[in-house]
């Protein structure tokens, strides 16, 4: 049987059940003329008349009734089998590609994957680490993880972490030779470690805020990196001040390896979000991962 035979038989069944070319055409999302041509083609191929047409109604002929009686259970069996296959499709399986920053991958994504994947061996996850913003549609990622303020407005965003804060830090040895900054303007007198943004190529302006007053401070220093981990290492070595996510340096501050300053100028902001296109039809595997990542704190 050719593919056209199945299409023609489906068209005949729609007309026979609806008893109307108009209603059948609407059901099949086609035109009346195209549907009429399909039925004539089927009748010509079979050599029998399947439908009796009048100006007011359409009804199956004896041959049409016989064919309809055979088609209906056969197509119902096919529909049942397709439904069964759909249930298999809904079992969590398949590849999920995610782009994320290094810190989000380590602090949020990996713990969720470590809990989830052992119970679902048919799910595969590919993680791409990048600090720059990625066009997930063009790059064919299923989703991305970024700070909430970086997520495009046309994306579905799911919160997956608590709020974050920035932290300005320096080594104790650095502060032995330099006074601690008290206000952002004091940074002009300090060696600061710059971060070059991978997405824009420009230098990150330190974003500070207090009592509703927002400042973007351009800083100077000997070192510029495009990786926050190296910035922290340079700060630990006493090479200057670094501005990074507080979560990146919390343990080092607690250990005394780094000293945090300008804390009152670093308010919390939206944490990490998983984002994906609004037109995306989530698979069972993707839905499972979203729920594993979803933040349920305060």
C-alpha atoms as a PDB file:
ATOM      1  CA  UNK A   1       0.000   0.000   0.000  1.00  0.00           C
ATOM      2  CA  UNK A   2       1.281   3.432  -0.948  1.00  0.00           C
ATOM      3  CA  UNK A   3       1.319   6.406   1.395  1.00  0.00           C
ATOM      4  CA  UNK A   4      -1.297   8.120  -0.827  1.00  0.00           C
ATOM      5  CA  UNK A   5      -3.664   5.191  -0.232  1.00  0.00           C
ATOM      6  CA  UNK A   6      -3.668   5.815   3.506  1.00  0.00           C
ATOM      7  CA  UNK A   7      -4.231   9.534   3.020  1.00  0.00           C
ATOM      8  CA  UNK A   8      -7.097   8.890   0.589  1.00  0.00           C
ATOM      9  CA  UNK A   9      -8.730   6.307   2.870  1.00  0.00           C
ATOM     10  CA  UNK A  10      -8.522   8.701   5.804  1.00  0.00           C
ATOM     11  CA  UNK A  11     -10.152  11.401   3.680  1.00  0.00           C
ATOM     12  CA  UNK A  12     -12.966   9.024   2.666  1.00  0.00           C
ATOM     13  CA  UNK A  13     -13.608   8.018   6.263  1.00  0.00           C
ATOM     14  CA  UNK A  14     -13.821  11.670   7.344  1.00  0.00           C
ATOM     15  CA  UNK A  15     -16.408  12.485   4.636  1.00  0.00           C
ATOM     16  CA  UNK A  16     -18.402   9.302   5.307  1.00  0.00           C
ATOM     17  CA  UNK A  17     -18.584   9.963   9.042  1.00  0.00           C
ATOM     18  CA  UNK A  18     -19.260  13.694   8.777  1.00  0.00           C
ATOM     19  CA  UNK A  19     -21.714  13.239   5.853  1.00  0.00           C
ATOM     20  CA  UNK A  20     -20.403  16.564   4.600  1.00  0.00           C
ATOM     21  CA  UNK A  21     -17.473  17.684   2.471  1.00  0.00           C
ATOM     22  CA  UNK A  22     -17.493  21.048   4.281  1.00  0.00           C
ATOM     23  CA  UNK A  23     -17.202  19.579   7.777  1.00  0.00           C
ATOM     24  CA  UNK A  24     -14.718  16.913   6.662  1.00  0.00           C
ATOM     25  CA  UNK A  25     -12.505  19.531   4.967  1.00  0.00           C
ATOM     26  CA  UNK A  26     -12.470  21.591   8.161  1.00  0.00           C
ATOM     27  CA  UNK A  27     -11.631  18.494  10.214  1.00  0.00           C
ATOM     28  CA  UNK A  28      -8.736  17.598   7.903  1.00  0.00           C
ATOM     29  CA  UNK A  29      -7.600  21.216   7.556  1.00  0.00           C
ATOM     30  CA  UNK A  30      -7.871  21.168   3.777  1.00  0.00           C
ATOM     31  CA  UNK A  31     -10.094  22.719   1.102  1.00  0.00           C
ATOM     32  CA  UNK A  32     -13.367  21.248  -0.176  1.00  0.00           C
ATOM     33  CA  UNK A  33     -12.054  21.144  -3.725  1.00  0.00           C
ATOM     34  CA  UNK A  34      -8.895  19.283  -2.700  1.00  0.00           C
ATOM     35  CA  UNK A  35     -10.957  16.822  -0.671  1.00  0.00           C
ATOM     36  CA  UNK A  36     -13.381  16.246  -3.534  1.00  0.00           C
ATOM     37  CA  UNK A  37     -10.446  15.586  -5.864  1.00  0.00           C
ATOM     38  CA  UNK A  38      -9.007  13.078  -3.362  1.00  0.00           C
ATOM     39  CA  UNK A  39     -12.291  11.125  -3.191  1.00  0.00           C
ATOM     40  CA  UNK A  40     -12.648  11.049  -6.986  1.00  0.00           C
ATOM     41  CA  UNK A  41      -9.066   9.784  -7.263  1.00  0.00           C
ATOM     42  CA  UNK A  42      -9.745   7.010  -4.747  1.00  0.00           C
ATOM     43  CA  UNK A  43     -12.971   5.975  -6.510  1.00  0.00           C
ATOM     44  CA  UNK A  44     -11.184   5.922  -9.865  1.00  0.00           C
ATOM     45  CA  UNK A  45      -8.384   3.775  -8.465  1.00  0.00           C
ATOM     46  CA  UNK A  46     -10.827   1.307  -6.863  1.00  0.00           C
ATOM     47  CA  UNK A  47     -13.237   1.330  -9.794  1.00  0.00           C
ATOM     48  CA  UNK A  48     -16.319   1.746  -7.586  1.00  0.00           C
ATOM     49  CA  UNK A  49     -18.448   4.617  -6.346  1.00  0.00           C
ATOM     50  CA  UNK A  50     -17.983   5.140  -2.612  1.00  0.00           C
ATOM     51  CA  UNK A  51     -20.180   8.167  -1.951  1.00  0.00           C
ATOM     52  CA  UNK A  52     -23.534   9.341  -3.198  1.00  0.00           C
ATOM     53  CA  UNK A  53     -23.560  13.102  -3.533  1.00  0.00           C
ATOM     54  CA  UNK A  54     -26.596  15.343  -3.744  1.00  0.00           C
ATOM     55  CA  UNK A  55     -26.892  19.085  -3.405  1.00  0.00           C
ATOM     56  CA  UNK A  56     -27.959  18.646   0.218  1.00  0.00           C
ATOM     57  CA  UNK A  57     -26.154  15.574   1.548  1.00  0.00           C
ATOM     58  CA  UNK A  58     -23.383  13.011   1.165  1.00  0.00           C
ATOM     59  CA  UNK A  59     -23.845   9.324   2.023  1.00  0.00           C
ATOM     60  CA  UNK A  60     -21.783   6.158   1.547  1.00  0.00           C
ATOM     61  CA  UNK A  61     -22.858   3.739  -1.177  1.00  0.00           C
ATOM     62  CA  UNK A  62     -23.077   0.025  -0.434  1.00  0.00           C
ATOM     63  CA  UNK A  63     -19.413  -0.297  -1.401  1.00  0.00           C
ATOM     64  CA  UNK A  64     -18.642   2.725   0.733  1.00  0.00           C
ATOM     65  CA  UNK A  65     -20.407   1.220   3.767  1.00  0.00           C
ATOM     66  CA  UNK A  66     -18.474  -2.023   3.302  1.00  0.00           C
ATOM     67  CA  UNK A  67     -15.163  -0.152   3.103  1.00  0.00           C
ATOM     68  CA  UNK A  68     -16.103   2.016   6.076  1.00  0.00           C
ATOM     69  CA  UNK A  69     -16.892  -1.094   8.146  1.00  0.00           C
ATOM     70  CA  UNK A  70     -13.403  -2.420   7.408  1.00  0.00           C
ATOM     71  CA  UNK A  71     -11.595   0.868   7.870  1.00  0.00           C
ATOM     72  CA  UNK A  72     -13.102   1.934  11.191  1.00  0.00           C
ATOM     73  CA  UNK A  73     -11.724  -0.920  13.377  1.00  0.00           C
ATOM     74  CA  UNK A  74      -8.426  -0.936  11.469  1.00  0.00           C
ATOM     75  CA  UNK A  75      -7.882   2.772  12.033  1.00  0.00           C
ATOM     76  CA  UNK A  76      -8.972   2.445  15.654  1.00  0.00           C
ATOM     77  CA  UNK A  77      -6.309  -0.248  16.105  1.00  0.00           C
ATOM     78  CA  UNK A  78      -3.736   2.065  14.529  1.00  0.00           C
ATOM     79  CA  UNK A  79      -4.797   4.912  16.838  1.00  0.00           C
ATOM     80  CA  UNK A  80      -4.483   2.625  19.865  1.00  0.00           C
ATOM     81  CA  UNK A  81      -1.003   1.550  18.781  1.00  0.00           C
ATOM     82  CA  UNK A  82       0.058   5.169  18.265  1.00  0.00           C
ATOM     83  CA  UNK A  83      -1.194   5.943  21.759  1.00  0.00           C
ATOM     84  CA  UNK A  84       0.849   3.043  23.087  1.00  0.00           C
ATOM     85  CA  UNK A  85       3.927   4.380  21.330  1.00  0.00           C
ATOM     86  CA  UNK A  86       3.193   7.773  22.827  1.00  0.00           C
ATOM     87  CA  UNK A  87       3.321   6.248  26.290  1.00  0.00           C
ATOM     88  CA  UNK A  88       6.755   4.860  25.482  1.00  0.00           C
ATOM     89  CA  UNK A  89       7.814   8.308  24.259  1.00  0.00           C
ATOM     90  CA  UNK A  90       6.718   9.825  27.547  1.00  0.00           C
ATOM     91  CA  UNK A  91       9.099   7.628  29.511  1.00  0.00           C
ATOM     92  CA  UNK A  92      12.069   9.807  30.478  1.00  0.00           C
ATOM     93  CA  UNK A  93      14.653   9.255  27.757  1.00  0.00           C
ATOM     94  CA  UNK A  94      16.761  11.157  25.252  1.00  0.00           C
ATOM     95  CA  UNK A  95      19.490  13.779  25.071  1.00  0.00           C
ATOM     96  CA  UNK A  96      19.247  17.153  26.838  1.00  0.00           C
ATOM     97  CA  UNK A  97      21.824  19.821  25.887  1.00  0.00           C
ATOM     98  CA  UNK A  98      22.378  22.656  28.370  1.00  0.00           C
ATOM     99  CA  UNK A  99      24.637  25.716  28.297  1.00  0.00           C
ATOM    100  CA  UNK A 100      25.631  27.126  31.678  1.00  0.00           C
ATOM    101  CA  UNK A 101      28.250  29.104  33.531  1.00  0.00           C
ATOM    102  CA  UNK A 102      30.875  27.173  35.471  1.00  0.00           C
ATOM    103  CA  UNK A 103      29.600  28.216  38.897  1.00  0.00           C
ATOM    104  CA  UNK A 104      25.978  27.380  38.086  1.00  0.00           C
ATOM    105  CA  UNK A 105      27.051  23.989  36.723  1.00  0.00           C
ATOM    106  CA  UNK A 106      29.016  23.187  39.869  1.00  0.00           C
ATOM    107  CA  UNK A 107      26.693  24.664  42.484  1.00  0.00           C
ATOM    108  CA  UNK A 108      23.250  23.941  41.009  1.00  0.00           C
ATOM    109  CA  UNK A 109      23.197  21.712  37.931  1.00  0.00           C
ATOM    110  CA  UNK A 110      25.599  18.966  38.951  1.00  0.00           C
ATOM    111  CA  UNK A 111      23.982  18.236  42.359  1.00  0.00           C
ATOM    112  CA  UNK A 112      20.616  17.817  40.595  1.00  0.00           C
ATOM    113  CA  UNK A 113      22.088  15.542  37.914  1.00  0.00           C
ATOM    114  CA  UNK A 114      23.885  13.474  40.528  1.00  0.00           C
ATOM    115  CA  UNK A 115      20.560  12.793  42.251  1.00  0.00           C
ATOM    116  CA  UNK A 116      18.501  12.307  39.102  1.00  0.00           C
ATOM    117  CA  UNK A 117      20.486  10.345  36.532  1.00  0.00           C
ATOM    118  CA  UNK A 118      21.133   7.083  38.450  1.00  0.00           C
ATOM    119  CA  UNK A 119      17.367   6.445  38.473  1.00  0.00           C
ATOM    120  CA  UNK A 120      16.898   7.268  34.771  1.00  0.00           C
ATOM    121  CA  UNK A 121      19.593   5.534  32.709  1.00  0.00           C
ATOM    122  CA  UNK A 122      17.939   6.453  29.392  1.00  0.00           C
ATOM    123  CA  UNK A 123      18.411  10.189  29.957  1.00  0.00           C
ATOM    124  CA  UNK A 124      21.589  11.706  28.518  1.00  0.00           C
ATOM    125  CA  UNK A 125      22.782  15.213  29.409  1.00  0.00           C
ATOM    126  CA  UNK A 126      25.406  17.262  27.576  1.00  0.00           C
ATOM    127  CA  UNK A 127      26.681  20.283  29.518  1.00  0.00           C
ATOM    128  CA  UNK A 128      28.495  23.137  27.753  1.00  0.00           C
ATOM    129  CA  UNK A 129      30.358  25.579  30.019  1.00  0.00           C
ATOM    130  CA  UNK A 130      30.433  29.207  28.910  1.00  0.00           C
ATOM    131  CA  UNK A 131      30.400  32.503  30.780  1.00  0.00           C
ATOM    132  CA  UNK A 132      29.014  34.336  27.747  1.00  0.00           C
ATOM    133  CA  UNK A 133      25.361  34.579  26.792  1.00  0.00           C
ATOM    134  CA  UNK A 134      24.379  31.896  24.284  1.00  0.00           C
ATOM    135  CA  UNK A 135      21.611  31.895  21.691  1.00  0.00           C
ATOM    136  CA  UNK A 136      20.191  28.516  22.689  1.00  0.00           C
ATOM    137  CA  UNK A 137      17.929  28.319  19.648  1.00  0.00           C
ATOM    138  CA  UNK A 138      20.690  29.004  17.108  1.00  0.00           C
ATOM    139  CA  UNK A 139      23.140  26.752  18.944  1.00  0.00           C
ATOM    140  CA  UNK A 140      20.522  23.995  19.309  1.00  0.00           C
ATOM    141  CA  UNK A 141      20.584  23.791  23.091  1.00  0.00           C
ATOM    142  CA  UNK A 142      17.489  22.589  24.883  1.00  0.00           C
ATOM    143  CA  UNK A 143      17.999  25.081  27.695  1.00  0.00           C
ATOM    144  CA  UNK A 144      20.408  27.473  29.335  1.00  0.00           C
ATOM    145  CA  UNK A 145      21.241  28.455  32.900  1.00  0.00           C
ATOM    146  CA  UNK A 146      22.053  32.073  33.670  1.00  0.00           C
ATOM    147  CA  UNK A 147      21.330  34.678  36.316  1.00  0.00           C
ATOM    148  CA  UNK A 148      17.710  35.796  36.164  1.00  0.00           C
ATOM    149  CA  UNK A 149      18.506  39.329  35.021  1.00  0.00           C
ATOM    150  CA  UNK A 150      20.307  37.930  31.947  1.00  0.00           C
ATOM    151  CA  UNK A 151      17.394  35.817  30.669  1.00  0.00           C
ATOM    152  CA  UNK A 152      15.623  37.120  27.552  1.00  0.00           C
ATOM    153  CA  UNK A 153      11.998  38.120  28.100  1.00  0.00           C
ATOM    154  CA  UNK A 154      10.665  35.767  25.407  1.00  0.00           C
ATOM    155  CA  UNK A 155      11.944  32.707  27.258  1.00  0.00           C
ATOM    156  CA  UNK A 156      10.272  30.556  29.872  1.00  0.00           C
ATOM    157  CA  UNK A 157      12.395  30.948  33.019  1.00  0.00           C
ATOM    158  CA  UNK A 158      12.370  28.627  36.022  1.00  0.00           C
ATOM    159  CA  UNK A 159      14.101  29.743  39.209  1.00  0.00           C
ATOM    160  CA  UNK A 160      16.652  27.137  40.301  1.00  0.00           C
ATOM    161  CA  UNK A 161      18.655  28.870  43.044  1.00  0.00           C
ATOM    162  CA  UNK A 162      18.311  31.356  45.895  1.00  0.00           C
ATOM    163  CA  UNK A 163      19.200  35.009  45.391  1.00  0.00           C
ATOM    164  CA  UNK A 164      22.843  35.825  44.733  1.00  0.00           C
ATOM    165  CA  UNK A 165      25.134  38.705  45.745  1.00  0.00           C
ATOM    166  CA  UNK A 166      28.340  40.145  44.402  1.00  0.00           C
ATOM    167  CA  UNK A 167      31.371  40.400  46.669  1.00  0.00           C
ATOM    168  CA  UNK A 168      34.417  42.673  46.522  1.00  0.00           C
ATOM    169  CA  UNK A 169      37.380  40.822  48.046  1.00  0.00           C
ATOM    170  CA  UNK A 170      41.111  41.114  48.565  1.00  0.00           C
ATOM    171  CA  UNK A 171      43.811  39.146  50.379  1.00  0.00           C
ATOM    172  CA  UNK A 172      44.882  40.069  53.926  1.00  0.00           C
ATOM    173  CA  UNK A 173      48.371  40.754  52.553  1.00  0.00           C
ATOM    174  CA  UNK A 174      46.919  43.261  50.079  1.00  0.00           C
ATOM    175  CA  UNK A 175      45.096  45.124  52.845  1.00  0.00           C
ATOM    176  CA  UNK A 176      48.262  45.198  54.918  1.00  0.00           C
ATOM    177  CA  UNK A 177      49.607  47.571  52.273  1.00  0.00           C
ATOM    178  CA  UNK A 178      46.373  49.325  51.242  1.00  0.00           C
ATOM    179  CA  UNK A 179      43.479  50.786  53.247  1.00  0.00           C
ATOM    180  CA  UNK A 180      40.135  49.057  52.839  1.00  0.00           C
ATOM    181  CA  UNK A 181      37.726  50.892  50.521  1.00  0.00           C
ATOM    182  CA  UNK A 182      34.726  52.323  52.350  1.00  0.00           C
ATOM    183  CA  UNK A 183      32.776  53.750  49.389  1.00  0.00           C
ATOM    184  CA  UNK A 184      32.929  52.845  45.680  1.00  0.00           C
ATOM    185  CA  UNK A 185      34.878  56.026  44.902  1.00  0.00           C
ATOM    186  CA  UNK A 186      37.786  54.612  46.930  1.00  0.00           C
ATOM    187  CA  UNK A 187      38.297  51.914  44.274  1.00  0.00           C
ATOM    188  CA  UNK A 188      40.078  54.508  42.110  1.00  0.00           C
ATOM    189  CA  UNK A 189      43.013  54.229  44.518  1.00  0.00           C
ATOM    190  CA  UNK A 190      43.233  50.419  44.324  1.00  0.00           C
ATOM    191  CA  UNK A 191      44.620  47.757  42.024  1.00  0.00           C
ATOM    192  CA  UNK A 192      41.516  46.003  40.695  1.00  0.00           C
ATOM    193  CA  UNK A 193      41.282  42.806  38.689  1.00  0.00           C
ATOM    194  CA  UNK A 194      39.147  43.207  35.591  1.00  0.00           C
ATOM    195  CA  UNK A 195      36.822  40.689  33.970  1.00  0.00           C
ATOM    196  CA  UNK A 196      36.394  40.707  30.191  1.00  0.00           C
ATOM    197  CA  UNK A 197      32.892  39.651  29.231  1.00  0.00           C
ATOM    198  CA  UNK A 198      32.797  36.843  26.692  1.00  0.00           C
ATOM    199  CA  UNK A 199      29.435  37.910  25.307  1.00  0.00           C
ATOM    200  CA  UNK A 200      30.208  41.573  24.603  1.00  0.00           C
ATOM    201  CA  UNK A 201      34.011  41.606  24.691  1.00  0.00           C
ATOM    202  CA  UNK A 202      33.925  44.623  26.988  1.00  0.00           C
ATOM    203  CA  UNK A 203      35.161  44.920  30.549  1.00  0.00           C
ATOM    204  CA  UNK A 204      32.693  44.261  33.344  1.00  0.00           C
ATOM    205  CA  UNK A 205      31.746  47.429  35.203  1.00  0.00           C
ATOM    206  CA  UNK A 206      31.391  46.631  38.892  1.00  0.00           C
ATOM    207  CA  UNK A 207      27.694  46.928  39.757  1.00  0.00           C
ATOM    208  CA  UNK A 208      27.233  48.383  43.236  1.00  0.00           C
ATOM    209  CA  UNK A 209      24.105  49.678  44.946  1.00  0.00           C
ATOM    210  CA  UNK A 210      23.023  51.099  48.291  1.00  0.00           C
ATOM    211  CA  UNK A 211      19.756  52.730  49.371  1.00  0.00           C
ATOM    212  CA  UNK A 212      18.467  52.662  45.809  1.00  0.00           C
ATOM    213  CA  UNK A 213      21.561  54.366  44.426  1.00  0.00           C
ATOM    214  CA  UNK A 214      23.070  52.273  41.634  1.00  0.00           C
ATOM    215  CA  UNK A 215      26.644  52.672  40.424  1.00  0.00           C
ATOM    216  CA  UNK A 216      28.598  51.033  37.618  1.00  0.00           C
ATOM    217  CA  UNK A 217      32.252  51.486  38.438  1.00  0.00           C
ATOM    218  CA  UNK A 218      35.011  51.157  35.837  1.00  0.00           C
ATOM    219  CA  UNK A 219      38.146  49.943  37.578  1.00  0.00           C
ATOM    220  CA  UNK A 220      41.835  49.781  36.649  1.00  0.00           C
ATOM    221  CA  UNK A 221      44.605  47.314  37.384  1.00  0.00           C
ATOM    222  CA  UNK A 222      47.376  45.184  35.937  1.00  0.00           C
ATOM    223  CA  UNK A 223      45.293  42.058  35.378  1.00  0.00           C
ATOM    224  CA  UNK A 224      42.325  41.211  33.181  1.00  0.00           C
ATOM    225  CA  UNK A 225      40.809  37.753  32.857  1.00  0.00           C
ATOM    226  CA  UNK A 226      37.807  36.282  31.093  1.00  0.00           C
ATOM    227  CA  UNK A 227      37.406  33.665  33.836  1.00  0.00           C
ATOM    228  CA  UNK A 228      36.205  34.394  37.374  1.00  0.00           C
ATOM    229  CA  UNK A 229      38.171  31.489  38.858  1.00  0.00           C
ATOM    230  CA  UNK A 230      41.460  33.096  37.802  1.00  0.00           C
ATOM    231  CA  UNK A 231      40.283  36.434  39.184  1.00  0.00           C
ATOM    232  CA  UNK A 232      39.806  34.834  42.578  1.00  0.00           C
ATOM    233  CA  UNK A 233      43.229  33.161  42.401  1.00  0.00           C
ATOM    234  CA  UNK A 234      44.848  36.505  41.617  1.00  0.00           C
ATOM    235  CA  UNK A 235      43.033  38.142  44.525  1.00  0.00           C
ATOM    236  CA  UNK A 236      44.207  35.374  46.862  1.00  0.00           C
ATOM    237  CA  UNK A 237      47.775  36.044  45.698  1.00  0.00           C
ATOM    238  CA  UNK A 238      47.441  39.687  46.799  1.00  0.00           C
ATOM    239  CA  UNK A 239      47.415  41.081  43.265  1.00  0.00           C
ATOM    240  CA  UNK A 240      44.410  43.340  43.828  1.00  0.00           C
ATOM    241  CA  UNK A 241      40.674  43.434  44.481  1.00  0.00           C
ATOM    242  CA  UNK A 242      38.201  41.213  42.660  1.00  0.00           C
ATOM    243  CA  UNK A 243      34.451  41.559  42.237  1.00  0.00           C
ATOM    244  CA  UNK A 244      32.728  38.219  41.795  1.00  0.00           C
ATOM    245  CA  UNK A 245      29.729  36.226  42.972  1.00  0.00           C
ATOM    246  CA  UNK A 246      29.758  35.919  46.753  1.00  0.00           C
ATOM    247  CA  UNK A 247      29.176  32.184  46.381  1.00  0.00           C
ATOM    248  CA  UNK A 248      32.544  31.903  44.591  1.00  0.00           C
ATOM    249  CA  UNK A 249      34.447  33.233  47.606  1.00  0.00           C
ATOM    250  CA  UNK A 250      32.258  32.494  50.633  1.00  0.00           C
ATOM    251  CA  UNK A 251      34.443  29.619  51.856  1.00  0.00           C
ATOM    252  CA  UNK A 252      37.663  31.582  51.257  1.00  0.00           C
ATOM    253  CA  UNK A 253      36.321  34.510  53.262  1.00  0.00           C
ATOM    254  CA  UNK A 254      35.295  32.164  56.071  1.00  0.00           C
ATOM    255  CA  UNK A 255      38.793  30.638  56.052  1.00  0.00           C
ATOM    256  CA  UNK A 256      40.467  34.038  56.158  1.00  0.00           C
ATOM    257  CA  UNK A 257      42.149  33.654  52.767  1.00  0.00           C
ATOM    258  CA  UNK A 258      40.165  36.641  51.480  1.00  0.00           C
ATOM    259  CA  UNK A 259      38.626  39.685  53.145  1.00  0.00           C
ATOM    260  CA  UNK A 260      35.247  41.028  51.958  1.00  0.00           C
ATOM    261  CA  UNK A 261      34.731  44.794  51.690  1.00  0.00           C
ATOM    262  CA  UNK A 262      31.974  47.170  50.527  1.00  0.00           C
ATOM    263  CA  UNK A 263      29.378  44.629  51.729  1.00  0.00           C
ATOM    264  CA  UNK A 264      26.747  47.342  52.195  1.00  0.00           C
ATOM    265  CA  UNK A 265      27.090  48.151  48.481  1.00  0.00           C
ATOM    266  CA  UNK A 266      26.320  44.576  47.355  1.00  0.00           C
ATOM    267  CA  UNK A 267      22.576  43.842  47.748  1.00  0.00           C
ATOM    268  CA  UNK A 268      21.038  40.504  46.668  1.00  0.00           C
ATOM    269  CA  UNK A 269      19.629  40.039  43.158  1.00  0.00           C
ATOM    270  CA  UNK A 270      17.843  37.355  41.123  1.00  0.00           C
ATOM    271  CA  UNK A 271      19.586  34.001  41.270  1.00  0.00           C
ATOM    272  CA  UNK A 272      20.061  31.353  38.615  1.00  0.00           C
ATOM    273  CA  UNK A 273      17.254  30.434  36.239  1.00  0.00           C
ATOM    274  CA  UNK A 274      16.833  27.616  33.760  1.00  0.00           C
ATOM    275  CA  UNK A 275      15.420  29.094  30.559  1.00  0.00           C
ATOM    276  CA  UNK A 276      14.094  27.653  27.304  1.00  0.00           C
ATOM    277  CA  UNK A 277      11.968  28.800  24.338  1.00  0.00           C
ATOM    278  CA  UNK A 278       8.269  29.265  25.033  1.00  0.00           C
ATOM    279  CA  UNK A 279       7.396  27.337  21.875  1.00  0.00           C
ATOM    280  CA  UNK A 280       9.355  24.293  23.003  1.00  0.00           C
ATOM    281  CA  UNK A 281       7.294  21.139  23.666  1.00  0.00           C
ATOM    282  CA  UNK A 282       9.033  19.631  26.696  1.00  0.00           C
ATOM    283  CA  UNK A 283       9.834  15.924  26.633  1.00  0.00           C
ATOM    284  CA  UNK A 284       9.267  13.766  29.702  1.00  0.00           C
ATOM    285  CA  UNK A 285      13.019  13.759  30.325  1.00  0.00           C
ATOM    286  CA  UNK A 286      13.252  17.556  30.117  1.00  0.00           C
ATOM    287  CA  UNK A 287      10.237  18.023  32.394  1.00  0.00           C
ATOM    288  CA  UNK A 288      11.831  15.694  34.925  1.00  0.00           C
ATOM    289  CA  UNK A 289      15.063  17.711  34.876  1.00  0.00           C
ATOM    290  CA  UNK A 290      13.174  20.992  35.299  1.00  0.00           C
ATOM    291  CA  UNK A 291      11.445  19.652  38.394  1.00  0.00           C
ATOM    292  CA  UNK A 292      14.733  18.327  39.781  1.00  0.00           C
ATOM    293  CA  UNK A 293      16.269  21.803  39.399  1.00  0.00           C
ATOM    294  CA  UNK A 294      13.303  23.922  40.484  1.00  0.00           C
ATOM    295  CA  UNK A 295      14.125  26.038  43.549  1.00  0.00           C
ATOM    296  CA  UNK A 296      11.694  25.436  46.409  1.00  0.00           C
ATOM    297  CA  UNK A 297      13.224  27.640  49.089  1.00  0.00           C
ATOM    298  CA  UNK A 298      11.769  30.775  50.561  1.00  0.00           C
END
